[in-house]
Amino acid sequence: MKTLLASVLLLAAIAAAGAAPGAAAHASGWPSASAALAQADVVPMRVAIDAALRAYPGSQYVTGRFEGGARPLYIIRIVTREGQRLDVRVDARSGQVIG
């Protein structure tokens, strides 16, 4: 819940920054991300992180990002216990690892 709130606040700050930042945000997919978050039809990022860590036991979370669109997803970057860096794709609606 805190992650969702933080994401919404971040998106609101970007929107309030003005026209030029909004144009850059539009090119990177932020409007679809903010629309999905505003509609609350996605799971919190924490759910996606937990799913990625369960899929790769012993791994460490590095970072995560949201990608909106027709099929919104989270990209969760982890480091496996063998030291391999992976980007795990998690369906943002179901919280299931998809790749």
PDB file of N, CA and C in Angstrom:
ATOM      1  N   MET A   1       0.826  -1.188   0.000  1.00  0.00           N
ATOM      2  CA  MET A   1       0.000   0.000   0.000  1.00  0.00           C
ATOM      3  C   MET A   1       0.872   1.254   0.000  1.00  0.00           C
ATOM      4  N   LYS A   2       1.975   1.229   0.788  1.00  0.00           N
ATOM      5  CA  LYS A   2       2.856   2.381   0.824  1.00  0.00           C
ATOM      6  C   LYS A   2       3.498   2.603  -0.532  1.00  0.00           C
ATOM      7  N   THR A   3       3.823   1.495  -1.242  1.00  0.00           N
ATOM      8  CA  THR A   3       4.433   1.617  -2.562  1.00  0.00           C
ATOM      9  C   THR A   3       3.452   2.259  -3.535  1.00  0.00           C
ATOM     10  N   LEU A   4       2.191   1.841  -3.487  1.00  0.00           N
ATOM     11  CA  LEU A   4       1.177   2.409  -4.362  1.00  0.00           C
ATOM     12  C   LEU A   4       1.007   3.896  -4.082  1.00  0.00           C
ATOM     13  N   LEU A   5       0.941   4.263  -2.813  1.00  0.00           N
ATOM     14  CA  LEU A   5       0.799   5.665  -2.437  1.00  0.00           C
ATOM     15  C   LEU A   5       2.015   6.466  -2.906  1.00  0.00           C
ATOM     16  N   ALA A   6       3.213   5.916  -2.701  1.00  0.00           N
ATOM     17  CA  ALA A   6       4.425   6.614  -3.130  1.00  0.00           C
ATOM     18  C   ALA A   6       4.438   6.788  -4.643  1.00  0.00           C
ATOM     19  N   SER A   7       3.987   5.772  -5.381  1.00  0.00           N
ATOM     20  CA  SER A   7       3.943   5.862  -6.840  1.00  0.00           C
ATOM     21  C   SER A   7       2.968   6.942  -7.291  1.00  0.00           C
ATOM     22  N   VAL A   8       1.806   6.979  -6.659  1.00  0.00           N
ATOM     23  CA  VAL A   8       0.795   7.981  -7.018  1.00  0.00           C
ATOM     24  C   VAL A   8       1.323   9.387  -6.719  1.00  0.00           C
ATOM     25  N   LEU A   9       1.976   9.554  -5.566  1.00  0.00           N
ATOM     26  CA  LEU A   9       2.523  10.865  -5.215  1.00  0.00           C
ATOM     27  C   LEU A   9       3.623  11.283  -6.191  1.00  0.00           C
ATOM     28  N   LEU A  10       4.470  10.331  -6.586  1.00  0.00           N
ATOM     29  CA  LEU A  10       5.515  10.627  -7.555  1.00  0.00           C
ATOM     30  C   LEU A  10       4.912  11.054  -8.891  1.00  0.00           C
ATOM     31  N   LEU A  11       3.895  10.348  -9.338  1.00  0.00           N
ATOM     32  CA  LEU A  11       3.239  10.703 -10.598  1.00  0.00           C
ATOM     33  C   LEU A  11       2.577  12.081 -10.511  1.00  0.00           C
ATOM     34  N   ALA A  12       1.996  12.400  -9.380  1.00  0.00           N
ATOM     35  CA  ALA A  12       1.382  13.711  -9.202  1.00  0.00           C
ATOM     36  C   ALA A  12       2.438  14.810  -9.242  1.00  0.00           C
ATOM     37  N   ALA A  13       3.603  14.564  -8.642  1.00  0.00           N
ATOM     38  CA  ALA A  13       4.690  15.549  -8.668  1.00  0.00           C
ATOM     39  C   ALA A  13       5.191  15.767 -10.084  1.00  0.00           C
ATOM     40  N   ILE A  14       5.297  14.699 -10.857  1.00  0.00           N
ATOM     41  CA  ILE A  14       5.747  14.818 -12.251  1.00  0.00           C
ATOM     42  C   ILE A  14       4.725  15.614 -13.055  1.00  0.00           C
ATOM     43  N   ALA A  15       3.441  15.323 -12.854  1.00  0.00           N
ATOM     44  CA  ALA A  15       2.393  16.041 -13.583  1.00  0.00           C
ATOM     45  C   ALA A  15       2.386  17.522 -13.228  1.00  0.00           C
ATOM     46  N   ALA A  16       2.684  17.852 -11.972  1.00  0.00           N
ATOM     47  CA  ALA A  16       2.671  19.244 -11.534  1.00  0.00           C
ATOM     48  C   ALA A  16       3.912  20.008 -11.982  1.00  0.00           C
ATOM     49  N   ALA A  17       4.919  19.307 -12.484  1.00  0.00           N
ATOM     50  CA  ALA A  17       6.187  19.950 -12.846  1.00  0.00           C
ATOM     51  C   ALA A  17       6.087  20.838 -14.082  1.00  0.00           C
ATOM     52  N   GLY A  18       5.077  20.628 -14.911  1.00  0.00           N
ATOM     53  CA  GLY A  18       4.931  21.487 -16.072  1.00  0.00           C
ATOM     54  C   GLY A  18       4.843  20.727 -17.377  1.00  0.00           C
ATOM     55  N   ALA A  19       4.723  21.473 -18.486  1.00  0.00           N
ATOM     56  CA  ALA A  19       4.481  20.878 -19.798  1.00  0.00           C
ATOM     57  C   ALA A  19       5.669  20.100 -20.335  1.00  0.00           C
ATOM     58  N   ALA A  20       6.870  20.622 -20.235  1.00  0.00           N
ATOM     59  CA  ALA A  20       8.030  19.935 -20.804  1.00  0.00           C
ATOM     60  C   ALA A  20       8.269  18.585 -20.139  1.00  0.00           C
ATOM     61  N   PRO A  21       8.267  18.511 -18.802  1.00  0.00           N
ATOM     62  CA  PRO A  21       8.419  17.196 -18.193  1.00  0.00           C
ATOM     63  C   PRO A  21       7.271  16.258 -18.552  1.00  0.00           C
ATOM     64  N   GLY A  22       6.075  16.779 -18.713  1.00  0.00           N
ATOM     65  CA  GLY A  22       4.939  15.949 -19.103  1.00  0.00           C
ATOM     66  C   GLY A  22       5.131  15.349 -20.473  1.00  0.00           C
ATOM     67  N   ALA A  23       5.726  16.118 -21.391  1.00  0.00           N
ATOM     68  CA  ALA A  23       5.978  15.598 -22.735  1.00  0.00           C
ATOM     69  C   ALA A  23       6.992  14.472 -22.683  1.00  0.00           C
ATOM     70  N   ALA A  24       8.022  14.632 -21.876  1.00  0.00           N
ATOM     71  CA  ALA A  24       9.011  13.564 -21.733  1.00  0.00           C
ATOM     72  C   ALA A  24       8.382  12.345 -21.076  1.00  0.00           C
ATOM     73  N   ALA A  25       7.515  12.571 -20.098  1.00  0.00           N
ATOM     74  CA  ALA A  25       6.863  11.459 -19.432  1.00  0.00           C
ATOM     75  C   ALA A  25       5.958  10.712 -20.395  1.00  0.00           C
ATOM     76  N   HIS A  26       5.271  11.442 -21.274  1.00  0.00           N
ATOM     77  CA  HIS A  26       4.392  10.804 -22.241  1.00  0.00           C
ATOM     78  C   HIS A  26       5.182   9.875 -23.147  1.00  0.00           C
ATOM     79  N   ALA A  27       6.349  10.281 -23.577  1.00  0.00           N
ATOM     80  CA  ALA A  27       7.170   9.456 -24.459  1.00  0.00           C
ATOM     81  C   ALA A  27       7.642   8.190 -23.759  1.00  0.00           C
ATOM     82  N   SER A  28       7.781   8.215 -22.452  1.00  0.00           N
ATOM     83  CA  SER A  28       8.285   7.044 -21.732  1.00  0.00           C
ATOM     84  C   SER A  28       7.170   6.142 -21.202  1.00  0.00           C
ATOM     85  N   GLY A  29       5.913   6.478 -21.452  1.00  0.00           N
ATOM     86  CA  GLY A  29       4.827   5.613 -21.030  1.00  0.00           C
ATOM     87  C   GLY A  29       4.189   5.969 -19.699  1.00  0.00           C
ATOM     88  N   TRP A  30       4.552   7.088 -19.077  1.00  0.00           N
ATOM     89  CA  TRP A  30       3.992   7.443 -17.780  1.00  0.00           C
ATOM     90  C   TRP A  30       2.484   7.612 -17.776  1.00  0.00           C
ATOM     91  N   PRO A  31       1.859   8.192 -18.823  1.00  0.00           N
ATOM     92  CA  PRO A  31       0.404   8.348 -18.736  1.00  0.00           C
ATOM     93  C   PRO A  31      -0.318   7.016 -18.549  1.00  0.00           C
ATOM     94  N   SER A  32       0.108   5.972 -19.242  1.00  0.00           N
ATOM     95  CA  SER A  32      -0.566   4.702 -19.069  1.00  0.00           C
ATOM     96  C   SER A  32      -0.271   4.127 -17.689  1.00  0.00           C
ATOM     97  N   ALA A  33       0.911   4.373 -17.154  1.00  0.00           N
ATOM     98  CA  ALA A  33       1.240   3.915 -15.804  1.00  0.00           C
ATOM     99  C   ALA A  33       0.370   4.641 -14.786  1.00  0.00           C
ATOM    100  N   SER A  34       0.242   5.947 -14.920  1.00  0.00           N
ATOM    101  CA  SER A  34      -0.567   6.697 -13.960  1.00  0.00           C
ATOM    102  C   SER A  34      -2.037   6.319 -14.076  1.00  0.00           C
ATOM    103  N   ALA A  35      -2.506   6.045 -15.295  1.00  0.00           N
ATOM    104  CA  ALA A  35      -3.898   5.638 -15.464  1.00  0.00           C
ATOM    105  C   ALA A  35      -4.148   4.299 -14.785  1.00  0.00           C
ATOM    106  N   ALA A  36      -3.241   3.357 -14.945  1.00  0.00           N
ATOM    107  CA  ALA A  36      -3.402   2.043 -14.311  1.00  0.00           C
ATOM    108  C   ALA A  36      -3.360   2.169 -12.797  1.00  0.00           C
ATOM    109  N   LEU A  37      -2.422   2.965 -12.284  1.00  0.00           N
ATOM    110  CA  LEU A  37      -2.328   3.149 -10.838  1.00  0.00           C
ATOM    111  C   LEU A  37      -3.558   3.858 -10.294  1.00  0.00           C
ATOM    112  N   ALA A  38      -4.048   4.857 -11.023  1.00  0.00           N
ATOM    113  CA  ALA A  38      -5.220   5.603 -10.574  1.00  0.00           C
ATOM    114  C   ALA A  38      -6.449   4.705 -10.528  1.00  0.00           C
ATOM    115  N   GLN A  39      -6.550   3.777 -11.470  1.00  0.00           N
ATOM    116  CA  GLN A  39      -7.685   2.861 -11.497  1.00  0.00           C
ATOM    117  C   GLN A  39      -7.524   1.735 -10.483  1.00  0.00           C
ATOM    118  N   ALA A  40      -6.318   1.627  -9.911  1.00  0.00           N
ATOM    119  CA  ALA A  40      -6.005   0.608  -8.900  1.00  0.00           C
ATOM    120  C   ALA A  40      -6.283  -0.798  -9.413  1.00  0.00           C
ATOM    121  N   ASP A  41      -6.016  -1.033 -10.710  1.00  0.00           N
ATOM    122  CA  ASP A  41      -6.220  -2.376 -11.253  1.00  0.00           C
ATOM    123  C   ASP A  41      -4.909  -3.148 -11.322  1.00  0.00           C
ATOM    124  N   VAL A  42      -3.911  -2.695 -10.573  1.00  0.00           N
ATOM    125  CA  VAL A  42      -2.645  -3.398 -10.507  1.00  0.00           C
ATOM    126  C   VAL A  42      -2.314  -3.709  -9.047  1.00  0.00           C
ATOM    127  N   VAL A  43      -1.528  -4.758  -8.865  1.00  0.00           N
ATOM    128  CA  VAL A  43      -1.100  -5.108  -7.505  1.00  0.00           C
ATOM    129  C   VAL A  43       0.025  -4.171  -7.097  1.00  0.00           C
ATOM    130  N   PRO A  44       0.251  -3.996  -5.812  1.00  0.00           N
ATOM    131  CA  PRO A  44       1.376  -3.170  -5.368  1.00  0.00           C
ATOM    132  C   PRO A  44       2.704  -3.799  -5.815  1.00  0.00           C
ATOM    133  N   MET A  45       3.719  -2.964  -6.016  1.00  0.00           N
ATOM    134  CA  MET A  45       5.012  -3.467  -6.451  1.00  0.00           C
ATOM    135  C   MET A  45       5.567  -4.498  -5.464  1.00  0.00           C
ATOM    136  N   ARG A  46       5.266  -4.360  -4.190  1.00  0.00           N
ATOM    137  CA  ARG A  46       5.766  -5.315  -3.192  1.00  0.00           C
ATOM    138  C   ARG A  46       5.329  -6.740  -3.527  1.00  0.00           C
ATOM    139  N   VAL A  47       4.114  -6.902  -4.055  1.00  0.00           N
ATOM    140  CA  VAL A  47       3.612  -8.219  -4.452  1.00  0.00           C
ATOM    141  C   VAL A  47       4.471  -8.776  -5.586  1.00  0.00           C
ATOM    142  N   ALA A  48       4.817  -7.915  -6.552  1.00  0.00           N
ATOM    143  CA  ALA A  48       5.655  -8.333  -7.673  1.00  0.00           C
ATOM    144  C   ALA A  48       7.061  -8.705  -7.196  1.00  0.00           C
ATOM    145  N   ILE A  49       7.601  -7.928  -6.277  1.00  0.00           N
ATOM    146  CA  ILE A  49       8.938  -8.220  -5.734  1.00  0.00           C
ATOM    147  C   ILE A  49       8.928  -9.575  -5.037  1.00  0.00           C
ATOM    148  N   ASP A  50       7.930  -9.803  -4.202  1.00  0.00           N
ATOM    149  CA  ASP A  50       7.838 -11.074  -3.488  1.00  0.00           C
ATOM    150  C   ASP A  50       7.715 -12.250  -4.456  1.00  0.00           C
ATOM    151  N   ALA A  51       6.936 -12.089  -5.532  1.00  0.00           N
ATOM    152  CA  ALA A  51       6.778 -13.159  -6.523  1.00  0.00           C
ATOM    153  C   ALA A  51       8.108 -13.465  -7.209  1.00  0.00           C
ATOM    154  N   ALA A  52       8.860 -12.415  -7.554  1.00  0.00           N
ATOM    155  CA  ALA A  52      10.157 -12.611  -8.201  1.00  0.00           C
ATOM    156  C   ALA A  52      11.135 -13.319  -7.274  1.00  0.00           C
ATOM    157  N   LEU A  53      11.141 -12.936  -5.999  1.00  0.00           N
ATOM    158  CA  LEU A  53      12.050 -13.561  -5.042  1.00  0.00           C
ATOM    159  C   LEU A  53      11.664 -15.015  -4.761  1.00  0.00           C
ATOM    160  N   ARG A  54      10.366 -15.320  -4.780  1.00  0.00           N
ATOM    161  CA  ARG A  54       9.924 -16.709  -4.615  1.00  0.00           C
ATOM    162  C   ARG A  54      10.318 -17.557  -5.822  1.00  0.00           C
ATOM    163  N   ALA A  55      10.267 -16.955  -7.013  1.00  0.00           N
ATOM    164  CA  ALA A  55      10.613 -17.686  -8.236  1.00  0.00           C
ATOM    165  C   ALA A  55      12.100 -18.029  -8.292  1.00  0.00           C
ATOM    166  N   TYR A  56      12.923 -17.235  -7.616  1.00  0.00           N
ATOM    167  CA  TYR A  56      14.374 -17.446  -7.585  1.00  0.00           C
ATOM    168  C   TYR A  56      14.835 -17.432  -6.129  1.00  0.00           C
ATOM    169  N   PRO A  57      14.641 -18.553  -5.422  1.00  0.00           N
ATOM    170  CA  PRO A  57      14.994 -18.605  -3.996  1.00  0.00           C
ATOM    171  C   PRO A  57      16.455 -18.210  -3.757  1.00  0.00           C
ATOM    172  N   GLY A  58      16.661 -17.454  -2.698  1.00  0.00           N
ATOM    173  CA  GLY A  58      18.002 -17.010  -2.337  1.00  0.00           C
ATOM    174  C   GLY A  58      18.464 -15.767  -3.074  1.00  0.00           C
ATOM    175  N   SER A  59      17.603 -15.225  -3.950  1.00  0.00           N
ATOM    176  CA  SER A  59      17.990 -14.032  -4.714  1.00  0.00           C
ATOM    177  C   SER A  59      17.785 -12.773  -3.883  1.00  0.00           C
ATOM    178  N   GLN A  60      18.380 -11.681  -4.351  1.00  0.00           N
ATOM    179  CA  GLN A  60      18.290 -10.383  -3.689  1.00  0.00           C
ATOM    180  C   GLN A  60      17.613  -9.387  -4.641  1.00  0.00           C
ATOM    181  N   TYR A  61      16.701  -8.602  -4.101  1.00  0.00           N
ATOM    182  CA  TYR A  61      16.039  -7.546  -4.870  1.00  0.00           C
ATOM    183  C   TYR A  61      17.021  -6.399  -5.104  1.00  0.00           C
ATOM    184  N   VAL A  62      17.040  -5.873  -6.355  1.00  0.00           N
ATOM    185  CA  VAL A  62      17.887  -4.726  -6.681  1.00  0.00           C
ATOM    186  C   VAL A  62      17.022  -3.503  -6.941  1.00  0.00           C
ATOM    187  N   THR A  63      16.118  -3.589  -7.905  1.00  0.00           N
ATOM    188  CA  THR A  63      15.258  -2.462  -8.251  1.00  0.00           C
ATOM    189  C   THR A  63      14.035  -2.972  -9.005  1.00  0.00           C
ATOM    190  N   GLY A  64      13.038  -2.106  -9.144  1.00  0.00           N
ATOM    191  CA  GLY A  64      11.844  -2.478  -9.880  1.00  0.00           C
ATOM    192  C   GLY A  64      11.255  -1.275 -10.578  1.00  0.00           C
ATOM    193  N   ARG A  65      10.540  -1.538 -11.666  1.00  0.00           N
ATOM    194  CA  ARG A  65       9.854  -0.449 -12.375  1.00  0.00           C
ATOM    195  C   ARG A  65       8.540  -0.969 -12.939  1.00  0.00           C
ATOM    196  N   PHE A  66       7.635  -0.053 -13.187  1.00  0.00           N
ATOM    197  CA  PHE A  66       6.314  -0.360 -13.729  1.00  0.00           C
ATOM    198  C   PHE A  66       6.277   0.040 -15.191  1.00  0.00           C
ATOM    199  N   GLU A  67       5.725  -0.826 -16.030  1.00  0.00           N
ATOM    200  CA  GLU A  67       5.498  -0.504 -17.440  1.00  0.00           C
ATOM    201  C   GLU A  67       4.018  -0.679 -17.718  1.00  0.00           C
ATOM    202  N   GLY A  68       3.363   0.419 -18.097  1.00  0.00           N
ATOM    203  CA  GLY A  68       1.943   0.373 -18.395  1.00  0.00           C
ATOM    204  C   GLY A  68       1.694  -0.115 -19.801  1.00  0.00           C
ATOM    205  N   GLY A  69       0.460  -0.018 -20.227  1.00  0.00           N
ATOM    206  CA  GLY A  69       0.087  -0.442 -21.569  1.00  0.00           C
ATOM    207  C   GLY A  69      -1.077  -1.416 -21.503  1.00  0.00           C
ATOM    208  N   ALA A  70      -1.311  -2.103 -22.627  1.00  0.00           N
ATOM    209  CA  ALA A  70      -2.407  -3.054 -22.700  1.00  0.00           C
ATOM    210  C   ALA A  70      -2.225  -4.186 -21.693  1.00  0.00           C
ATOM    211  N   ARG A  71      -0.972  -4.575 -21.464  1.00  0.00           N
ATOM    212  CA  ARG A  71      -0.655  -5.612 -20.475  1.00  0.00           C
ATOM    213  C   ARG A  71       0.383  -5.048 -19.510  1.00  0.00           C
ATOM    214  N   PRO A  72      -0.069  -4.326 -18.480  1.00  0.00           N
ATOM    215  CA  PRO A  72       0.896  -3.705 -17.564  1.00  0.00           C
ATOM    216  C   PRO A  72       1.723  -4.763 -16.827  1.00  0.00           C
ATOM    217  N   LEU A  73       2.986  -4.423 -16.602  1.00  0.00           N
ATOM    218  CA  LEU A  73       3.847  -5.350 -15.891  1.00  0.00           C
ATOM    219  C   LEU A  73       4.884  -4.617 -15.084  1.00  0.00           C
ATOM    220  N   TYR A  74       5.439  -5.340 -14.142  1.00  0.00           N
ATOM    221  CA  TYR A  74       6.568  -4.851 -13.367  1.00  0.00           C
ATOM    222  C   TYR A  74       7.803  -5.573 -13.871  1.00  0.00           C
ATOM    223  N   ILE A  75       8.896  -4.855 -13.971  1.00  0.00           N
ATOM    224  CA  ILE A  75      10.196  -5.449 -14.253  1.00  0.00           C
ATOM    225  C   ILE A  75      10.968  -5.382 -12.941  1.00  0.00           C
ATOM    226  N   ILE A  76      11.231  -6.533 -12.360  1.00  0.00           N
ATOM    227  CA  ILE A  76      11.912  -6.616 -11.077  1.00  0.00           C
ATOM    228  C   ILE A  76      13.331  -7.131 -11.325  1.00  0.00           C
ATOM    229  N   ARG A  77      14.324  -6.307 -11.025  1.00  0.00           N
ATOM    230  CA  ARG A  77      15.724  -6.708 -11.197  1.00  0.00           C
ATOM    231  C   ARG A  77      16.202  -7.354  -9.902  1.00  0.00           C
ATOM    232  N   ILE A  78      16.760  -8.564 -10.060  1.00  0.00           N
ATOM    233  CA  ILE A  78      17.280  -9.313  -8.923  1.00  0.00           C
ATOM    234  C   ILE A  78      18.694  -9.786  -9.231  1.00  0.00           C
ATOM    235  N   VAL A  79      19.377 -10.206  -8.184  1.00  0.00           N
ATOM    236  CA  VAL A  79      20.653 -10.897  -8.328  1.00  0.00           C
ATOM    237  C   VAL A  79      20.456 -12.268  -7.684  1.00  0.00           C
ATOM    238  N   THR A  80      20.679 -13.327  -8.472  1.00  0.00           N
ATOM    239  CA  THR A  80      20.504 -14.678  -7.952  1.00  0.00           C
ATOM    240  C   THR A  80      21.615 -15.017  -6.974  1.00  0.00           C
ATOM    241  N   ARG A  81      21.441 -16.102  -6.240  1.00  0.00           N
ATOM    242  CA  ARG A  81      22.484 -16.487  -5.281  1.00  0.00           C
ATOM    243  C   ARG A  81      23.775 -16.876  -5.987  1.00  0.00           C
ATOM    244  N   GLU A  82      23.698 -17.177  -7.314  1.00  0.00           N
ATOM    245  CA  GLU A  82      24.893 -17.464  -8.109  1.00  0.00           C
ATOM    246  C   GLU A  82      25.549 -16.190  -8.626  1.00  0.00           C
ATOM    247  N   GLY A  83      24.935 -15.031  -8.369  1.00  0.00           N
ATOM    248  CA  GLY A  83      25.495 -13.756  -8.786  1.00  0.00           C
ATOM    249  C   GLY A  83      25.024 -13.271 -10.142  1.00  0.00           C
ATOM    250  N   GLN A  84      24.066 -13.967 -10.747  1.00  0.00           N
ATOM    251  CA  GLN A  84      23.537 -13.567 -12.057  1.00  0.00           C
ATOM    252  C   GLN A  84      22.463 -12.486 -11.871  1.00  0.00           C
ATOM    253  N   ARG A  85      22.563 -11.426 -12.665  1.00  0.00           N
ATOM    254  CA  ARG A  85      21.569 -10.349 -12.613  1.00  0.00           C
ATOM    255  C   ARG A  85      20.462 -10.678 -13.609  1.00  0.00           C
ATOM    256  N   LEU A  86      19.215 -10.653 -13.143  1.00  0.00           N
ATOM    257  CA  LEU A  86      18.064 -10.984 -13.984  1.00  0.00           C
ATOM    258  C   LEU A  86      16.998  -9.907 -13.884  1.00  0.00           C
ATOM    259  N   ASP A  87      16.285  -9.689 -14.980  1.00  0.00           N
ATOM    260  CA  ASP A  87      15.082  -8.864 -14.973  1.00  0.00           C
ATOM    261  C   ASP A  87      13.897  -9.818 -15.064  1.00  0.00           C
ATOM    262  N   VAL A  88      13.124  -9.889 -13.989  1.00  0.00           N
ATOM    263  CA  VAL A  88      11.981 -10.789 -13.911  1.00  0.00           C
ATOM    264  C   VAL A  88      10.727  -9.997 -14.253  1.00  0.00           C
ATOM    265  N   ARG A  89       9.947 -10.486 -15.209  1.00  0.00           N
ATOM    266  CA  ARG A  89       8.701  -9.824 -15.608  1.00  0.00           C
ATOM    267  C   ARG A  89       7.548 -10.406 -14.795  1.00  0.00           C
ATOM    268  N   VAL A  90       6.762  -9.494 -14.197  1.00  0.00           N
ATOM    269  CA  VAL A  90       5.631  -9.896 -13.357  1.00  0.00           C
ATOM    270  C   VAL A  90       4.385  -9.175 -13.859  1.00  0.00           C
ATOM    271  N   ASP A  91       3.340  -9.944 -14.126  1.00  0.00           N
ATOM    272  CA  ASP A  91       2.067  -9.368 -14.559  1.00  0.00           C
ATOM    273  C   ASP A  91       1.573  -8.439 -13.454  1.00  0.00           C
ATOM    274  N   ALA A  92       1.328  -7.183 -13.782  1.00  0.00           N
ATOM    275  CA  ALA A  92       0.948  -6.182 -12.773  1.00  0.00           C
ATOM    276  C   ALA A  92      -0.482  -6.356 -12.285  1.00  0.00           C
ATOM    277  N   ARG A  93      -1.301  -7.070 -13.027  1.00  0.00           N
ATOM    278  CA  ARG A  93      -2.678  -7.276 -12.590  1.00  0.00           C
ATOM    279  C   ARG A  93      -2.824  -8.493 -11.678  1.00  0.00           C
ATOM    280  N   SER A  94      -2.088  -9.560 -11.996  1.00  0.00           N
ATOM    281  CA  SER A  94      -2.238 -10.799 -11.228  1.00  0.00           C
ATOM    282  C   SER A  94      -1.120 -10.994 -10.194  1.00  0.00           C
ATOM    283  N   GLY A  95       0.030 -10.371 -10.412  1.00  0.00           N
ATOM    284  CA  GLY A  95       1.166 -10.579  -9.521  1.00  0.00           C
ATOM    285  C   GLY A  95       1.926 -11.861  -9.818  1.00  0.00           C
ATOM    286  N   GLN A  96       1.654 -12.483 -10.964  1.00  0.00           N
ATOM    287  CA  GLN A  96       2.297 -13.735 -11.346  1.00  0.00           C
ATOM    288  C   GLN A  96       3.529 -13.468 -12.210  1.00  0.00           C
ATOM    289  N   VAL A  97       4.589 -14.242 -11.968  1.00  0.00           N
ATOM    290  CA  VAL A  97       5.799 -14.148 -12.790  1.00  0.00           C
ATOM    291  C   VAL A  97       5.457 -14.672 -14.177  1.00  0.00           C
ATOM    292  N   ILE A  98       5.818 -13.882 -15.211  1.00  0.00           N
ATOM    293  CA  ILE A  98       5.532 -14.295 -16.589  1.00  0.00           C
ATOM    294  C   ILE A  98       6.803 -14.450 -17.420  1.00  0.00           C
ATOM    295  N   GLY A  99       7.931 -14.169 -16.840  1.00  0.00           N
ATOM    296  CA  GLY A  99       9.166 -14.363 -17.600  1.00  0.00           C
ATOM    297  C   GLY A  99      10.361 -13.776 -16.936  1.00  0.00           C
TER     298      GLY A  99
END
